[in-house]
Protein backbone atom coordinates (compact mmCIF):
# COMPACT_ATOMS: atom_id res chain seq x y z
CA VAL A 1 0.02 0.00 0.10
CA GLU A 2 1.26 3.39 -0.99
CA PRO A 3 1.99 6.01 1.66
CA PHE A 4 -0.94 8.60 1.71
CA ASP A 5 -0.51 12.34 1.87
CA TYR A 6 -2.42 13.80 4.41
CA ALA A 7 -2.99 17.67 4.55
CA LYS A 8 0.07 19.67 5.92
CA ASP A 9 -2.26 20.95 8.81
CA ASP A 10 -3.11 17.38 10.16
CA LEU A 11 -1.60 16.13 13.22
CA ILE A 12 -0.24 12.71 12.00
CA ARG A 13 0.23 9.99 14.48
CA ARG A 14 1.34 6.42 14.16
CA VAL A 15 -1.21 3.99 16.08
CA GLN A 16 0.68 1.86 18.17
CA GLN A 17 0.13 -1.74 19.39
CA HIS A 18 -3.48 -2.70 20.70
CA GLY A 19 -4.64 0.85 18.95
CA PHE A 20 -3.36 3.50 21.19
CA VAL A 21 -1.97 6.69 20.11
CA SER A 22 -0.81 9.99 21.87
CA ILE A 23 -2.44 13.42 20.90
CA LEU A 24 -1.50 16.58 22.67
CA GLY A 25 -0.62 14.81 25.86
CA HIS A 26 -3.61 12.30 25.90
CA ASN A 27 -3.70 8.86 25.22
CA VAL A 28 -6.26 7.69 22.98
CA ARG A 29 -7.31 4.23 22.16
CA LEU A 30 -8.59 3.63 18.23
CA CYS A 31 -9.39 0.40 16.80
CA ARG A 32 -6.53 -2.33 16.66
CA ALA A 33 -6.78 -2.66 12.91
CA PHE A 34 -5.03 0.82 12.65
CA ALA A 35 -2.00 -0.51 14.62
CA GLY A 36 1.23 0.40 12.67
CA LYS A 37 -1.00 2.98 10.51
CA SER A 38 -0.70 6.60 10.28
CA VAL A 39 -3.92 8.48 11.22
CA ALA A 40 -4.67 12.22 10.84
CA PHE A 41 -6.26 14.10 13.61
CA ARG A 42 -8.04 17.38 12.43
CA PRO A 43 -9.19 19.94 14.86
CA THR A 44 -13.24 20.63 14.78
CA ALA A 45 -15.02 23.88 15.36
CA ALA A 46 -15.23 22.84 19.14
CA ASP A 47 -12.16 23.44 21.35
CA GLY A 48 -10.14 20.14 22.08
CA VAL A 49 -12.43 18.07 19.71
CA PHE A 50 -10.50 16.19 16.77
CA ASP A 51 -11.99 14.11 13.97
CA ALA A 52 -9.49 10.99 13.35
CA TRP A 53 -9.04 10.13 9.62
CA PHE A 54 -7.54 7.07 8.17
CA ARG A 55 -6.67 8.09 4.44
CA HIS A 56 -9.99 9.60 3.20
CA GLN A 57 -12.30 7.93 5.78
CA LYS A 58 -13.26 9.67 9.04
CA ILE A 59 -13.13 7.10 11.68
CA GLU A 60 -14.04 8.41 14.85
CA THR A 61 -14.34 12.00 16.80
CA ILE A 62 -12.09 12.32 19.92
CA ASP A 63 -13.03 14.74 22.65
CA LEU A 64 -9.87 15.44 24.57
CA ASN A 65 -11.77 17.39 27.37
CA ALA A 66 -13.44 14.01 28.32
CA ILE A 67 -10.07 12.28 28.42
CA ASP A 68 -7.60 11.99 31.32
CA ARG A 69 -4.09 12.63 30.66
């Protein structure tokens, strides 16, 4: 699979074993299927809320305000 070029303003993170990823000091769990893959986080209009994208597909909305550090 060829690498995907995300937008320059996206926060790109590589998903770790068991689906964990760190974003802005918060540990977030995504689906294990994304382990080893790069995922983009895009801010929404709400403060501290990000949409997680794998390539062209939105996979989840993450509210960092609701997650402990």
